[in-house]
Amino acid sequence: MRRTRTLGCLVVGCVMVGSPVGATAELKLGYVDLSKVFDGYERTKASDDGLQKRGKQKEAELEAKMAELRKLRQSLELLAEEAREAKIREIEEKAEDLQRFRASTARTLRRDRDKMARQLLGDIRKGVAEYAKANGFSLIVDDRSVLYGTSVHDVTDEVLGLLNSQATAKAAQKAQ
């Protein structure tokens, strides 16, 4: 209820502020499916690919460390009692290193993903603002804030097209 009242006040405020007394100003509204734009944005796909590559590299490193630990455990059975204790300590240290590596890798990848998402959302917001200004919109909101809206007001595909064309142009410039 409070969000609806706030949006209503915002829209009424835009109409009142945007138009001089006695004149009628056209209020152009739109909404964007932000998650669809985020998922369909070419830079999101490229960033996801980069994160996946790094994740696979780290996974390969983890597998190598786990294989080394397995070999150490297997060789433990063949050792005499004195050598066995030293090997047990080595195995425990390797197991702790493995856990630290796993936690550190997960933390780093999560931090990188969050940073990437913030940057992409910033780019998307700039793209929405550019689209709105270029097309005379008074207000564009995220579709999650819209309780009802006709498809006429949905500008998701247009914004996504603008963002992807800009991303393609930047990639082409970078390649040259």
N, C-alpha and C. Protein backbone atom coordinates (compact mmCIF):
# COMPACT_ATOMS: atom_id res chain seq x y z
N MET A 1 0.83 -1.18 0.00
CA MET A 1 0.00 0.00 0.00
C MET A 1 0.88 1.25 0.00
N ARG A 2 1.90 1.27 0.82
CA ARG A 2 2.77 2.43 0.92
C ARG A 2 3.51 2.66 -0.39
N ARG A 3 4.00 1.57 -1.05
CA ARG A 3 4.72 1.72 -2.31
C ARG A 3 3.81 2.30 -3.39
N THR A 4 2.56 1.83 -3.43
CA THR A 4 1.62 2.32 -4.42
C THR A 4 1.36 3.81 -4.21
N ARG A 5 1.15 4.20 -2.98
CA ARG A 5 0.91 5.59 -2.66
C ARG A 5 2.12 6.43 -3.03
N THR A 6 3.31 5.92 -2.75
CA THR A 6 4.54 6.65 -3.07
C THR A 6 4.68 6.82 -4.57
N LEU A 7 4.45 5.74 -5.34
CA LEU A 7 4.55 5.83 -6.80
C LEU A 7 3.50 6.79 -7.33
N GLY A 8 2.29 6.72 -6.74
CA GLY A 8 1.23 7.64 -7.16
C GLY A 8 1.62 9.08 -6.88
N CYS A 9 2.19 9.34 -5.72
CA CYS A 9 2.65 10.68 -5.39
C CYS A 9 3.78 11.10 -6.33
N LEU A 10 4.65 10.19 -6.65
CA LEU A 10 5.76 10.47 -7.56
C LEU A 10 5.23 10.84 -8.93
N VAL A 11 4.28 10.07 -9.44
CA VAL A 11 3.71 10.35 -10.75
C VAL A 11 2.96 11.67 -10.72
N VAL A 12 2.13 11.91 -9.70
CA VAL A 12 1.40 13.17 -9.57
C VAL A 12 2.38 14.32 -9.44
N GLY A 13 3.44 14.10 -8.65
CA GLY A 13 4.46 15.13 -8.49
C GLY A 13 5.13 15.46 -9.80
N CYS A 14 5.41 14.46 -10.62
CA CYS A 14 6.03 14.68 -11.93
C CYS A 14 5.11 15.50 -12.81
N VAL A 15 3.82 15.20 -12.78
CA VAL A 15 2.86 15.93 -13.60
C VAL A 15 2.78 17.37 -13.12
N MET A 16 2.70 17.55 -11.79
CA MET A 16 2.56 18.89 -11.24
C MET A 16 3.81 19.72 -11.45
N VAL A 17 4.97 19.13 -11.20
CA VAL A 17 6.22 19.85 -11.34
C VAL A 17 6.55 20.08 -12.81
N GLY A 18 6.26 19.09 -13.63
CA GLY A 18 6.64 19.15 -15.04
C GLY A 18 5.78 20.07 -15.89
N SER A 19 4.62 20.49 -15.41
CA SER A 19 3.76 21.30 -16.26
C SER A 19 3.43 22.63 -15.59
N PRO A 20 3.52 23.70 -16.33
CA PRO A 20 3.15 25.00 -15.78
C PRO A 20 1.63 25.04 -15.56
N VAL A 21 1.21 25.92 -14.69
CA VAL A 21 -0.22 26.04 -14.38
C VAL A 21 -0.98 26.38 -15.66
N GLY A 22 -2.02 25.63 -15.88
CA GLY A 22 -2.87 25.86 -17.03
C GLY A 22 -2.43 25.13 -18.29
N ALA A 23 -1.21 24.63 -18.33
CA ALA A 23 -0.72 23.91 -19.51
C ALA A 23 -0.76 22.42 -19.23
N THR A 24 -0.94 21.66 -20.26
CA THR A 24 -0.91 20.21 -20.08
C THR A 24 0.35 19.68 -20.72
N ALA A 25 1.15 19.03 -19.91
CA ALA A 25 2.37 18.41 -20.41
C ALA A 25 2.13 16.92 -20.57
N GLU A 26 2.70 16.36 -21.60
CA GLU A 26 2.54 14.93 -21.81
C GLU A 26 3.46 14.18 -20.86
N LEU A 27 2.92 13.25 -20.16
CA LEU A 27 3.68 12.42 -19.24
C LEU A 27 3.88 11.07 -19.92
N LYS A 28 5.12 10.77 -20.25
CA LYS A 28 5.43 9.53 -20.95
C LYS A 28 6.08 8.58 -19.95
N LEU A 29 5.42 7.45 -19.72
CA LEU A 29 5.87 6.47 -18.73
C LEU A 29 6.25 5.17 -19.41
N GLY A 30 7.17 4.46 -18.79
CA GLY A 30 7.56 3.15 -19.30
C GLY A 30 8.09 2.29 -18.17
N TYR A 31 8.22 1.02 -18.45
CA TYR A 31 8.83 0.12 -17.48
C TYR A 31 9.75 -0.85 -18.19
N VAL A 32 10.72 -1.37 -17.43
CA VAL A 32 11.73 -2.26 -17.96
C VAL A 32 11.81 -3.49 -17.07
N ASP A 33 11.88 -4.66 -17.68
CA ASP A 33 12.14 -5.90 -16.95
C ASP A 33 13.65 -5.97 -16.76
N LEU A 34 14.09 -5.49 -15.62
CA LEU A 34 15.52 -5.35 -15.34
C LEU A 34 16.25 -6.69 -15.39
N SER A 35 15.63 -7.75 -14.90
CA SER A 35 16.30 -9.05 -14.91
C SER A 35 16.45 -9.57 -16.35
N LYS A 36 15.47 -9.29 -17.21
CA LYS A 36 15.57 -9.70 -18.62
C LYS A 36 16.68 -8.92 -19.31
N VAL A 37 16.77 -7.62 -19.01
CA VAL A 37 17.83 -6.81 -19.60
C VAL A 37 19.19 -7.30 -19.12
N PHE A 38 19.31 -7.55 -17.82
CA PHE A 38 20.57 -8.02 -17.25
C PHE A 38 21.00 -9.33 -17.90
N ASP A 39 20.07 -10.28 -17.99
CA ASP A 39 20.39 -11.60 -18.55
C ASP A 39 20.66 -11.54 -20.05
N GLY A 40 20.00 -10.65 -20.77
CA GLY A 40 20.16 -10.58 -22.22
C GLY A 40 21.27 -9.65 -22.68
N TYR A 41 21.85 -8.91 -21.75
CA TYR A 41 22.91 -7.95 -22.06
C TYR A 41 24.18 -8.70 -22.45
N GLU A 42 24.74 -8.37 -23.60
CA GLU A 42 25.93 -9.07 -24.11
C GLU A 42 27.10 -9.00 -23.13
N ARG A 43 27.26 -7.89 -22.46
CA ARG A 43 28.37 -7.77 -21.51
C ARG A 43 28.16 -8.71 -20.32
N THR A 44 26.92 -8.96 -19.95
CA THR A 44 26.65 -9.91 -18.87
C THR A 44 27.10 -11.29 -19.30
N LYS A 45 26.77 -11.66 -20.52
CA LYS A 45 27.15 -12.97 -21.04
C LYS A 45 28.67 -13.12 -21.10
N ALA A 46 29.35 -12.06 -21.57
CA ALA A 46 30.81 -12.10 -21.65
C ALA A 46 31.42 -12.19 -20.25
N SER A 47 30.88 -11.46 -19.31
CA SER A 47 31.39 -11.50 -17.93
C SER A 47 31.15 -12.87 -17.31
N ASP A 48 29.98 -13.43 -17.56
CA ASP A 48 29.68 -14.77 -17.05
C ASP A 48 30.65 -15.80 -17.61
N ASP A 49 30.95 -15.66 -18.91
CA ASP A 49 31.90 -16.59 -19.54
C ASP A 49 33.27 -16.48 -18.88
N GLY A 50 33.70 -15.26 -18.62
CA GLY A 50 34.99 -15.06 -17.96
C GLY A 50 35.01 -15.65 -16.56
N LEU A 51 33.93 -15.45 -15.82
CA LEU A 51 33.85 -16.02 -14.47
C LEU A 51 33.83 -17.55 -14.52
N GLN A 52 33.13 -18.10 -15.50
CA GLN A 52 33.09 -19.55 -15.63
C GLN A 52 34.47 -20.12 -15.96
N LYS A 53 35.21 -19.43 -16.82
CA LYS A 53 36.57 -19.89 -17.15
C LYS A 53 37.44 -19.90 -15.91
N ARG A 54 37.38 -18.80 -15.15
CA ARG A 54 38.19 -18.75 -13.92
C ARG A 54 37.73 -19.81 -12.92
N GLY A 55 36.42 -20.02 -12.86
CA GLY A 55 35.90 -21.05 -11.97
C GLY A 55 36.39 -22.43 -12.36
N LYS A 56 36.43 -22.71 -13.65
CA LYS A 56 36.92 -24.01 -14.12
C LYS A 56 38.41 -24.17 -13.87
N GLN A 57 39.17 -23.08 -14.01
CA GLN A 57 40.60 -23.14 -13.71
C GLN A 57 40.81 -23.46 -12.23
N LYS A 58 40.06 -22.78 -11.38
CA LYS A 58 40.18 -23.02 -9.94
C LYS A 58 39.72 -24.42 -9.59
N GLU A 59 38.70 -24.90 -10.29
CA GLU A 59 38.21 -26.26 -10.07
C GLU A 59 39.29 -27.28 -10.45
N ALA A 60 40.01 -27.02 -11.53
CA ALA A 60 41.09 -27.91 -11.94
C ALA A 60 42.21 -27.91 -10.90
N GLU A 61 42.52 -26.73 -10.37
CA GLU A 61 43.53 -26.63 -9.31
C GLU A 61 43.08 -27.42 -8.09
N LEU A 62 41.82 -27.29 -7.75
CA LEU A 62 41.26 -28.01 -6.60
C LEU A 62 41.35 -29.51 -6.82
N GLU A 63 41.00 -29.96 -8.01
CA GLU A 63 41.07 -31.39 -8.32
C GLU A 63 42.51 -31.90 -8.20
N ALA A 64 43.47 -31.11 -8.66
CA ALA A 64 44.88 -31.52 -8.55
C ALA A 64 45.29 -31.64 -7.09
N LYS A 65 44.86 -30.71 -6.28
CA LYS A 65 45.19 -30.75 -4.85
C LYS A 65 44.52 -31.96 -4.18
N MET A 66 43.30 -32.24 -4.59
CA MET A 66 42.60 -33.39 -4.01
C MET A 66 43.27 -34.70 -4.44
N ALA A 67 43.71 -34.78 -5.68
CA ALA A 67 44.41 -35.98 -6.16
C ALA A 67 45.70 -36.18 -5.39
N GLU A 68 46.41 -35.10 -5.14
CA GLU A 68 47.66 -35.19 -4.37
C GLU A 68 47.37 -35.70 -2.95
N LEU A 69 46.31 -35.20 -2.36
CA LEU A 69 45.93 -35.63 -1.01
C LEU A 69 45.55 -37.11 -1.00
N ARG A 70 44.83 -37.56 -2.02
CA ARG A 70 44.46 -38.98 -2.12
C ARG A 70 45.70 -39.86 -2.21
N LYS A 71 46.67 -39.43 -3.02
CA LYS A 71 47.91 -40.20 -3.16
C LYS A 71 48.64 -40.30 -1.83
N LEU A 72 48.67 -39.19 -1.11
CA LEU A 72 49.33 -39.20 0.20
C LEU A 72 48.65 -40.18 1.16
N ARG A 73 47.34 -40.17 1.14
CA ARG A 73 46.59 -41.08 2.02
C ARG A 73 46.83 -42.54 1.63
N GLN A 74 46.91 -42.81 0.34
CA GLN A 74 47.16 -44.19 -0.10
C GLN A 74 48.56 -44.64 0.28
N SER A 75 49.51 -43.75 0.18
CA SER A 75 50.90 -44.12 0.51
C SER A 75 51.09 -44.29 2.01
N LEU A 76 50.18 -43.80 2.79
CA LEU A 76 50.26 -43.89 4.25
C LEU A 76 50.24 -45.34 4.71
N GLU A 77 49.48 -46.17 4.04
CA GLU A 77 49.33 -47.56 4.44
C GLU A 77 50.63 -48.36 4.30
N LEU A 78 51.49 -47.93 3.43
CA LEU A 78 52.72 -48.68 3.15
C LEU A 78 53.88 -48.28 4.06
N LEU A 79 53.70 -47.27 4.87
CA LEU A 79 54.80 -46.75 5.68
C LEU A 79 54.92 -47.43 7.04
N ALA A 80 56.13 -47.37 7.57
CA ALA A 80 56.37 -47.86 8.93
C ALA A 80 55.76 -46.84 9.90
N GLU A 81 55.64 -47.25 11.16
CA GLU A 81 54.96 -46.43 12.18
C GLU A 81 55.57 -45.04 12.33
N GLU A 82 56.91 -44.90 12.37
CA GLU A 82 57.55 -43.60 12.58
C GLU A 82 57.30 -42.67 11.39
N ALA A 83 57.47 -43.20 10.23
CA ALA A 83 57.26 -42.39 9.03
C ALA A 83 55.77 -42.07 8.85
N ARG A 84 54.95 -42.95 9.39
CA ARG A 84 53.50 -42.79 9.28
C ARG A 84 53.03 -41.53 10.01
N GLU A 85 53.55 -41.28 11.19
CA GLU A 85 53.14 -40.10 11.96
C GLU A 85 53.49 -38.81 11.22
N ALA A 86 54.68 -38.76 10.64
CA ALA A 86 55.09 -37.58 9.87
C ALA A 86 54.18 -37.40 8.65
N LYS A 87 53.83 -38.50 8.02
CA LYS A 87 52.97 -38.46 6.85
C LYS A 87 51.56 -38.01 7.24
N ILE A 88 51.10 -38.44 8.40
CA ILE A 88 49.76 -38.03 8.87
C ILE A 88 49.73 -36.51 9.05
N ARG A 89 50.77 -35.94 9.65
CA ARG A 89 50.84 -34.49 9.83
C ARG A 89 50.83 -33.79 8.46
N GLU A 90 51.58 -34.33 7.53
CA GLU A 90 51.63 -33.75 6.19
C GLU A 90 50.25 -33.81 5.53
N ILE A 91 49.58 -34.92 5.70
CA ILE A 91 48.23 -35.08 5.14
C ILE A 91 47.27 -34.08 5.77
N GLU A 92 47.35 -33.92 7.08
CA GLU A 92 46.47 -32.98 7.76
C GLU A 92 46.72 -31.55 7.29
N GLU A 93 48.00 -31.19 7.10
CA GLU A 93 48.33 -29.86 6.61
C GLU A 93 47.78 -29.66 5.19
N LYS A 94 47.95 -30.67 4.36
CA LYS A 94 47.44 -30.58 2.98
C LYS A 94 45.91 -30.46 2.98
N ALA A 95 45.25 -31.19 3.86
CA ALA A 95 43.79 -31.13 3.94
C ALA A 95 43.34 -29.73 4.39
N GLU A 96 44.05 -29.15 5.35
CA GLU A 96 43.73 -27.79 5.79
C GLU A 96 43.98 -26.78 4.67
N ASP A 97 45.09 -26.95 3.95
CA ASP A 97 45.39 -26.08 2.81
C ASP A 97 44.29 -26.18 1.76
N LEU A 98 43.82 -27.38 1.54
CA LEU A 98 42.76 -27.61 0.57
C LEU A 98 41.48 -26.86 0.99
N GLN A 99 41.13 -26.96 2.26
CA GLN A 99 39.93 -26.26 2.76
C GLN A 99 40.08 -24.75 2.63
N ARG A 100 41.27 -24.23 2.97
CA ARG A 100 41.52 -22.79 2.84
C ARG A 100 41.43 -22.36 1.37
N PHE A 101 42.03 -23.16 0.51
CA PHE A 101 41.98 -22.86 -0.93
C PHE A 101 40.55 -22.83 -1.43
N ARG A 102 39.78 -23.82 -1.04
CA ARG A 102 38.38 -23.91 -1.46
C ARG A 102 37.59 -22.68 -0.98
N ALA A 103 37.75 -22.33 0.29
CA ALA A 103 37.01 -21.19 0.85
C ALA A 103 37.47 -19.88 0.21
N SER A 104 38.77 -19.74 0.05
CA SER A 104 39.32 -18.52 -0.56
C SER A 104 38.85 -18.36 -2.00
N THR A 105 38.86 -19.44 -2.74
CA THR A 105 38.42 -19.40 -4.13
C THR A 105 36.95 -19.03 -4.23
N ALA A 106 36.13 -19.64 -3.40
CA ALA A 106 34.69 -19.34 -3.41
C ALA A 106 34.46 -17.87 -3.06
N ARG A 107 35.16 -17.37 -2.07
CA ARG A 107 35.03 -15.98 -1.65
C ARG A 107 35.46 -15.03 -2.77
N THR A 108 36.58 -15.33 -3.41
CA THR A 108 37.08 -14.48 -4.49
C THR A 108 36.14 -14.46 -5.68
N LEU A 109 35.66 -15.64 -6.08
CA LEU A 109 34.74 -15.70 -7.21
C LEU A 109 33.42 -14.99 -6.90
N ARG A 110 32.93 -15.13 -5.68
CA ARG A 110 31.70 -14.46 -5.27
C ARG A 110 31.90 -12.94 -5.29
N ARG A 111 33.03 -12.47 -4.78
CA ARG A 111 33.34 -11.04 -4.76
C ARG A 111 33.44 -10.51 -6.20
N ASP A 112 34.11 -11.26 -7.07
CA ASP A 112 34.24 -10.85 -8.47
C ASP A 112 32.88 -10.79 -9.16
N ARG A 113 32.04 -11.78 -8.89
CA ARG A 113 30.70 -11.81 -9.49
C ARG A 113 29.87 -10.61 -9.02
N ASP A 114 29.95 -10.30 -7.72
CA ASP A 114 29.20 -9.17 -7.18
C ASP A 114 29.68 -7.84 -7.77
N LYS A 115 30.99 -7.70 -7.90
CA LYS A 115 31.57 -6.49 -8.49
C LYS A 115 31.12 -6.34 -9.94
N MET A 116 31.17 -7.45 -10.68
CA MET A 116 30.74 -7.44 -12.07
C MET A 116 29.26 -7.05 -12.16
N ALA A 117 28.43 -7.60 -11.30
CA ALA A 117 27.00 -7.31 -11.33
C ALA A 117 26.74 -5.82 -11.05
N ARG A 118 27.46 -5.25 -10.08
CA ARG A 118 27.29 -3.83 -9.78
C ARG A 118 27.68 -2.96 -10.99
N GLN A 119 28.79 -3.33 -11.64
CA GLN A 119 29.22 -2.57 -12.82
C GLN A 119 28.19 -2.68 -13.95
N LEU A 120 27.70 -3.87 -14.18
CA LEU A 120 26.72 -4.07 -15.24
C LEU A 120 25.42 -3.33 -14.96
N LEU A 121 24.97 -3.37 -13.70
CA LEU A 121 23.74 -2.64 -13.34
C LEU A 121 23.93 -1.14 -13.52
N GLY A 122 25.12 -0.64 -13.22
CA GLY A 122 25.42 0.77 -13.47
C GLY A 122 25.32 1.10 -14.95
N ASP A 123 25.89 0.23 -15.79
CA ASP A 123 25.81 0.41 -17.24
C ASP A 123 24.36 0.37 -17.71
N ILE A 124 23.60 -0.55 -17.15
CA ILE A 124 22.18 -0.68 -17.54
C ILE A 124 21.41 0.58 -17.15
N ARG A 125 21.66 1.09 -15.96
CA ARG A 125 20.97 2.31 -15.52
C ARG A 125 21.30 3.48 -16.45
N LYS A 126 22.58 3.59 -16.84
CA LYS A 126 22.97 4.65 -17.79
C LYS A 126 22.26 4.45 -19.12
N GLY A 127 22.18 3.20 -19.57
CA GLY A 127 21.50 2.91 -20.83
C GLY A 127 20.02 3.26 -20.76
N VAL A 128 19.37 2.96 -19.65
CA VAL A 128 17.95 3.30 -19.47
C VAL A 128 17.80 4.82 -19.50
N ALA A 129 18.68 5.53 -18.81
CA ALA A 129 18.61 7.00 -18.79
C ALA A 129 18.81 7.57 -20.19
N GLU A 130 19.78 7.05 -20.95
CA GLU A 130 20.00 7.50 -22.32
C GLU A 130 18.75 7.27 -23.18
N TYR A 131 18.20 6.06 -23.05
CA TYR A 131 17.00 5.73 -23.82
C TYR A 131 15.85 6.66 -23.45
N ALA A 132 15.66 6.88 -22.16
CA ALA A 132 14.57 7.74 -21.70
C ALA A 132 14.72 9.16 -22.24
N LYS A 133 15.92 9.71 -22.14
CA LYS A 133 16.14 11.07 -22.64
C LYS A 133 15.95 11.16 -24.14
N ALA A 134 16.49 10.19 -24.85
CA ALA A 134 16.41 10.21 -26.32
C ALA A 134 14.98 10.04 -26.82
N ASN A 135 14.13 9.40 -26.03
CA ASN A 135 12.77 9.10 -26.47
C ASN A 135 11.69 9.86 -25.70
N GLY A 136 12.10 10.85 -24.94
CA GLY A 136 11.13 11.74 -24.28
C GLY A 136 10.35 11.13 -23.13
N PHE A 137 10.93 10.17 -22.42
CA PHE A 137 10.23 9.57 -21.29
C PHE A 137 10.38 10.45 -20.05
N SER A 138 9.30 10.56 -19.30
CA SER A 138 9.33 11.28 -18.03
C SER A 138 9.78 10.36 -16.91
N LEU A 139 9.44 9.06 -17.06
CA LEU A 139 9.70 8.11 -15.99
C LEU A 139 9.77 6.70 -16.56
N ILE A 140 10.82 5.97 -16.20
CA ILE A 140 10.90 4.55 -16.51
C ILE A 140 11.22 3.84 -15.21
N VAL A 141 10.42 2.84 -14.86
CA VAL A 141 10.60 2.11 -13.61
C VAL A 141 10.88 0.64 -13.90
N ASP A 142 11.40 -0.02 -12.89
CA ASP A 142 11.62 -1.47 -12.96
C ASP A 142 10.26 -2.16 -12.90
N ASP A 143 10.08 -3.19 -13.69
CA ASP A 143 8.78 -3.86 -13.75
C ASP A 143 8.37 -4.46 -12.42
N ARG A 144 9.31 -4.70 -11.52
CA ARG A 144 8.94 -5.25 -10.21
C ARG A 144 8.15 -4.24 -9.40
N SER A 145 8.23 -2.96 -9.76
CA SER A 145 7.49 -1.91 -9.07
C SER A 145 6.13 -1.65 -9.71
N VAL A 146 5.85 -2.31 -10.82
CA VAL A 146 4.61 -2.08 -11.56
C VAL A 146 3.60 -3.16 -11.18
N LEU A 147 2.47 -2.71 -10.67
CA LEU A 147 1.40 -3.66 -10.36
C LEU A 147 0.59 -3.99 -11.60
N TYR A 148 0.45 -3.02 -12.47
CA TYR A 148 -0.24 -3.25 -13.73
C TYR A 148 0.36 -2.31 -14.76
N GLY A 149 0.58 -2.82 -15.93
CA GLY A 149 1.06 -2.01 -17.03
C GLY A 149 0.80 -2.74 -18.33
N THR A 150 0.39 -1.99 -19.32
CA THR A 150 0.16 -2.62 -20.62
C THR A 150 1.49 -2.78 -21.33
N SER A 151 1.51 -3.67 -22.28
CA SER A 151 2.74 -3.94 -23.00
C SER A 151 3.22 -2.73 -23.80
N VAL A 152 2.34 -1.79 -24.04
CA VAL A 152 2.70 -0.56 -24.74
C VAL A 152 3.77 0.20 -23.95
N HIS A 153 3.72 0.08 -22.64
CA HIS A 153 4.66 0.81 -21.77
C HIS A 153 5.94 0.01 -21.49
N ASP A 154 6.00 -1.22 -21.95
CA ASP A 154 7.18 -2.06 -21.73
C ASP A 154 8.24 -1.72 -22.77
N VAL A 155 9.35 -1.15 -22.31
CA VAL A 155 10.43 -0.74 -23.22
C VAL A 155 11.66 -1.61 -23.04
N THR A 156 11.47 -2.78 -22.47
CA THR A 156 12.58 -3.69 -22.18
C THR A 156 13.39 -4.03 -23.42
N ASP A 157 12.72 -4.46 -24.48
CA ASP A 157 13.43 -4.89 -25.69
C ASP A 157 14.19 -3.74 -26.34
N GLU A 158 13.60 -2.54 -26.31
CA GLU A 158 14.26 -1.39 -26.90
C GLU A 158 15.53 -1.02 -26.11
N VAL A 159 15.43 -1.04 -24.78
CA VAL A 159 16.59 -0.73 -23.93
C VAL A 159 17.67 -1.79 -24.13
N LEU A 160 17.27 -3.04 -24.16
CA LEU A 160 18.22 -4.13 -24.36
C LEU A 160 18.91 -4.01 -25.72
N GLY A 161 18.17 -3.66 -26.73
CA GLY A 161 18.74 -3.45 -28.06
C GLY A 161 19.77 -2.33 -28.05
N LEU A 162 19.45 -1.23 -27.38
CA LEU A 162 20.39 -0.10 -27.27
C LEU A 162 21.67 -0.53 -26.57
N LEU A 163 21.52 -1.20 -25.44
CA LEU A 163 22.69 -1.64 -24.67
C LEU A 163 23.57 -2.60 -25.47
N ASN A 164 22.94 -3.55 -26.13
CA ASN A 164 23.71 -4.53 -26.90
C ASN A 164 24.38 -3.89 -28.12
N SER A 165 23.73 -2.92 -28.75
CA SER A 165 24.38 -2.25 -29.88
C SER A 165 25.57 -1.44 -29.39
N GLN A 166 25.45 -0.82 -28.22
CA GLN A 166 26.58 -0.08 -27.65
C GLN A 166 27.72 -1.04 -27.29
N ALA A 167 27.38 -2.18 -26.71
CA ALA A 167 28.39 -3.17 -26.33
C ALA A 167 29.11 -3.71 -27.57
N THR A 168 28.36 -3.95 -28.63
CA THR A 168 28.96 -4.44 -29.88
C THR A 168 29.89 -3.39 -30.46
N ALA A 169 29.46 -2.13 -30.43
CA ALA A 169 30.30 -1.05 -30.96
C ALA A 169 31.59 -0.91 -30.15
N LYS A 170 31.48 -1.00 -28.83
CA LYS A 170 32.68 -0.91 -27.96
C LYS A 170 33.63 -2.08 -28.22
N ALA A 171 33.07 -3.27 -28.38
CA ALA A 171 33.89 -4.45 -28.65
C ALA A 171 34.60 -4.32 -29.99
N ALA A 172 33.92 -3.76 -30.99
CA ALA A 172 34.52 -3.58 -32.31
C ALA A 172 35.65 -2.56 -32.23
N GLN A 173 35.45 -1.49 -31.46
CA GLN A 173 36.51 -0.48 -31.29
C GLN A 173 37.70 -1.08 -30.58
N LYS A 174 37.45 -1.89 -29.59
CA LYS A 174 38.51 -2.52 -28.81
C LYS A 174 39.32 -3.49 -29.66
N ALA A 175 38.65 -4.17 -30.59
CA ALA A 175 39.31 -5.16 -31.44
C ALA A 175 40.22 -4.51 -32.47
N GLN A 176 39.96 -3.26 -32.78
CA GLN A 176 40.77 -2.58 -33.80
C GLN A 176 42.04 -2.11 -33.27
